[in-house]
Amino acid sequence: MERITISLDEALAKNFDALIQARGYANRSEAVRDMLRRELEAARLATDAAPYCVASLSYVYNHHERRLAERLTELQHQAHGLVVSAMHVHLDHAHCMETLFLRGPTQEIRRFADAMAAERGVRHSVLNLVAVDADSTDPHHHGHCHPLS
């Protein structure tokens, strides 16, 4: 492990300490490591330096919308190589929330998420991407991958 030293003005240090305490960090070092990982991840994903990812796509939709559930299911079937798992929750008499767990090429996952969000009747959609290194040497052939940072 490499050690670095940073200087902060008193107000910034005080605000940082309050933030890490509120989030439950045991020390500044772990909080800084998490912030760096988050920023590196965002930079990779913003510059297409993360060709492969795992992701969750959550969306809320009105299940009374004509054929919407059928259209969403058909999109999932068309992307069967990306969709690992799906969870469905009934929110009220008209609305459902689904979360899909995805794995594959980052750009394909983005296109799939955009297509799902664009369906008429989908009210809210959020995609969370985590860049990973796909292990092409996996002798078991069941998709090992690990985070890049």
Protein backbone atom coordinates (compact mmCIF):
# COMPACT_ATOMS: atom_id res chain seq x y z
CA MET A 1 0.00 0.00 0.00
CA GLU A 2 1.26 3.45 -0.90
CA ARG A 3 0.90 6.32 1.57
CA ILE A 4 0.02 9.85 0.41
CA THR A 5 -0.41 13.03 2.41
CA ILE A 6 -2.86 15.83 1.63
CA SER A 7 -3.42 19.22 3.21
CA LEU A 8 -6.91 20.55 3.86
CA ASP A 9 -8.01 23.84 5.30
CA GLU A 10 -9.67 23.55 8.69
CA ALA A 11 -13.25 24.08 7.49
CA LEU A 12 -12.92 21.49 4.72
CA ALA A 13 -11.39 18.95 7.11
CA LYS A 14 -14.18 19.54 9.63
CA ASN A 15 -16.89 19.10 6.96
CA PHE A 16 -15.16 15.99 5.63
CA ASP A 17 -15.00 14.47 9.13
CA ALA A 18 -18.71 15.16 9.64
CA LEU A 19 -19.51 13.54 6.29
CA ILE A 20 -17.49 10.39 6.93
CA GLN A 21 -18.89 10.04 10.43
CA ALA A 22 -22.46 10.34 9.08
CA ARG A 23 -21.68 7.64 6.50
CA GLY A 24 -20.13 5.34 9.08
CA TYR A 25 -16.51 5.31 7.95
CA ALA A 26 -13.99 4.24 10.57
CA ASN A 27 -11.31 6.60 9.23
CA ARG A 28 -10.45 9.20 6.61
CA SER A 29 -8.33 6.80 4.57
CA GLU A 30 -11.17 4.43 3.75
CA ALA A 31 -13.46 7.36 2.88
CA VAL A 32 -10.83 8.82 0.52
CA ARG A 33 -10.26 5.40 -1.09
CA ASP A 34 -14.00 5.05 -1.76
CA MET A 35 -14.21 8.56 -3.22
CA LEU A 36 -11.23 7.86 -5.49
CA ARG A 37 -12.75 4.56 -6.67
CA ARG A 38 -16.05 6.33 -7.43
CA GLU A 39 -14.31 9.09 -9.42
CA LEU A 40 -12.09 6.64 -11.33
CA GLU A 41 -15.16 4.54 -12.14
CA ALA A 42 -17.09 7.59 -13.37
CA ALA A 43 -14.15 8.69 -15.53
CA ARG A 44 -13.81 5.22 -17.09
CA LEU A 45 -17.49 5.02 -17.86
CA ALA A 46 -17.63 8.59 -19.22
CA THR A 47 -14.75 8.02 -21.63
CA ASP A 48 -15.67 4.51 -22.79
CA ALA A 49 -12.56 3.15 -21.05
CA ALA A 50 -14.74 0.43 -19.50
CA PRO A 51 -15.72 -1.94 -22.30
CA TYR A 52 -17.37 -4.46 -19.97
CA CYS A 53 -19.63 -3.93 -16.95
CA VAL A 54 -22.19 -5.30 -14.56
CA ALA A 55 -25.25 -3.15 -14.00
CA SER A 56 -28.63 -2.78 -12.42
CA LEU A 57 -31.47 -1.16 -14.32
CA SER A 58 -34.50 -0.15 -12.27
CA TYR A 59 -37.67 1.25 -13.76
CA VAL A 60 -41.24 2.01 -12.73
CA TYR A 61 -44.08 1.53 -15.17
CA ASN A 62 -47.85 1.50 -15.40
CA HIS A 63 -48.88 -2.10 -16.00
CA HIS A 64 -52.25 -0.92 -17.38
CA GLU A 65 -50.44 0.70 -20.33
CA ARG A 66 -51.48 -1.27 -23.39
CA ARG A 67 -49.10 -4.22 -24.00
CA LEU A 68 -46.28 -2.51 -22.06
CA ALA A 69 -45.42 -5.49 -19.85
CA GLU A 70 -45.34 -7.66 -22.97
CA ARG A 71 -43.08 -5.17 -24.81
CA LEU A 72 -40.69 -4.94 -21.84
CA THR A 73 -40.50 -8.71 -21.58
CA GLU A 74 -39.84 -8.98 -25.32
CA LEU A 75 -36.95 -6.48 -25.04
CA GLN A 76 -35.51 -8.57 -22.21
CA HIS A 77 -35.76 -11.73 -24.31
CA GLN A 78 -34.04 -9.99 -27.22
CA ALA A 79 -31.20 -9.08 -24.81
CA HIS A 80 -31.06 -12.48 -23.10
CA GLY A 81 -27.26 -12.42 -23.26
CA LEU A 82 -27.21 -9.29 -21.08
CA VAL A 83 -30.02 -10.01 -18.60
CA VAL A 84 -28.81 -12.12 -15.68
CA SER A 85 -31.85 -11.78 -13.45
CA ALA A 86 -35.04 -9.76 -12.97
CA MET A 87 -37.03 -8.78 -9.89
CA HIS A 88 -40.62 -7.50 -10.08
CA VAL A 89 -42.45 -5.58 -7.34
CA HIS A 90 -46.07 -4.36 -7.30
CA LEU A 91 -46.15 -0.78 -5.98
CA ASP A 92 -49.90 -0.15 -6.14
CA HIS A 93 -52.89 -1.18 -8.26
CA ALA A 94 -51.39 0.40 -11.39
CA HIS A 95 -47.61 0.61 -10.99
CA CYS A 96 -44.81 -1.91 -10.89
CA MET A 97 -41.09 -1.63 -10.38
CA GLU A 98 -38.60 -3.96 -11.97
CA THR A 99 -34.88 -4.25 -11.41
CA LEU A 100 -32.79 -6.08 -13.96
CA PHE A 101 -29.29 -7.30 -13.22
CA LEU A 102 -27.16 -7.10 -16.34
CA ARG A 103 -23.70 -8.19 -17.44
CA GLY A 104 -21.96 -7.56 -20.74
CA PRO A 105 -20.45 -4.95 -23.04
CA THR A 106 -21.03 -1.49 -21.59
CA GLN A 107 -22.33 0.08 -24.80
CA GLU A 108 -24.80 -2.76 -25.38
CA ILE A 109 -26.10 -2.37 -21.83
CA ARG A 110 -26.51 1.39 -22.31
CA ARG A 111 -28.45 0.84 -25.57
CA PHE A 112 -30.66 -1.77 -23.90
CA ALA A 113 -31.34 0.52 -20.92
CA ASP A 114 -32.20 3.41 -23.26
CA ALA A 115 -34.62 1.19 -25.20
CA MET A 116 -36.35 0.07 -22.00
CA ALA A 117 -36.64 3.66 -20.71
CA ALA A 118 -38.02 4.87 -24.05
CA GLU A 119 -41.03 2.53 -23.96
CA ARG A 120 -44.28 4.47 -23.61
CA GLY A 121 -45.54 4.00 -20.03
CA VAL A 122 -42.14 3.64 -18.36
CA ARG A 123 -42.19 6.48 -15.82
CA HIS A 124 -38.76 6.37 -14.19
CA SER A 125 -35.58 4.56 -15.15
CA VAL A 126 -32.14 4.48 -13.50
CA LEU A 127 -29.07 2.63 -14.74
CA ASN A 128 -26.19 1.92 -12.38
CA LEU A 129 -23.01 0.69 -14.09
CA VAL A 130 -19.95 -0.88 -12.49
CA ALA A 131 -16.94 -1.34 -14.76
CA VAL A 132 -15.41 -4.80 -14.51
CA ASP A 133 -12.62 -6.77 -16.07
CA ALA A 134 -14.11 -9.85 -17.70
CA ASP A 135 -12.03 -12.93 -16.97
CA SER A 136 -11.64 -14.61 -20.35
CA THR A 137 -9.40 -17.26 -18.78
CA ASP A 138 -12.16 -18.60 -16.54
CA PRO A 139 -11.83 -22.41 -16.75
CA HIS A 140 -15.38 -22.91 -15.42
CA HIS A 141 -17.01 -20.77 -18.15
CA HIS A 142 -19.51 -19.11 -15.86
CA GLY A 143 -18.62 -15.46 -16.24
CA HIS A 144 -16.09 -14.42 -13.63
CA CYS A 145 -15.44 -10.69 -13.52
CA HIS A 146 -14.03 -8.30 -10.96
CA PRO A 147 -14.26 -4.53 -10.35
CA LEU A 148 -11.54 -2.43 -11.97
CA SER A 149 -10.82 -0.34 -8.85
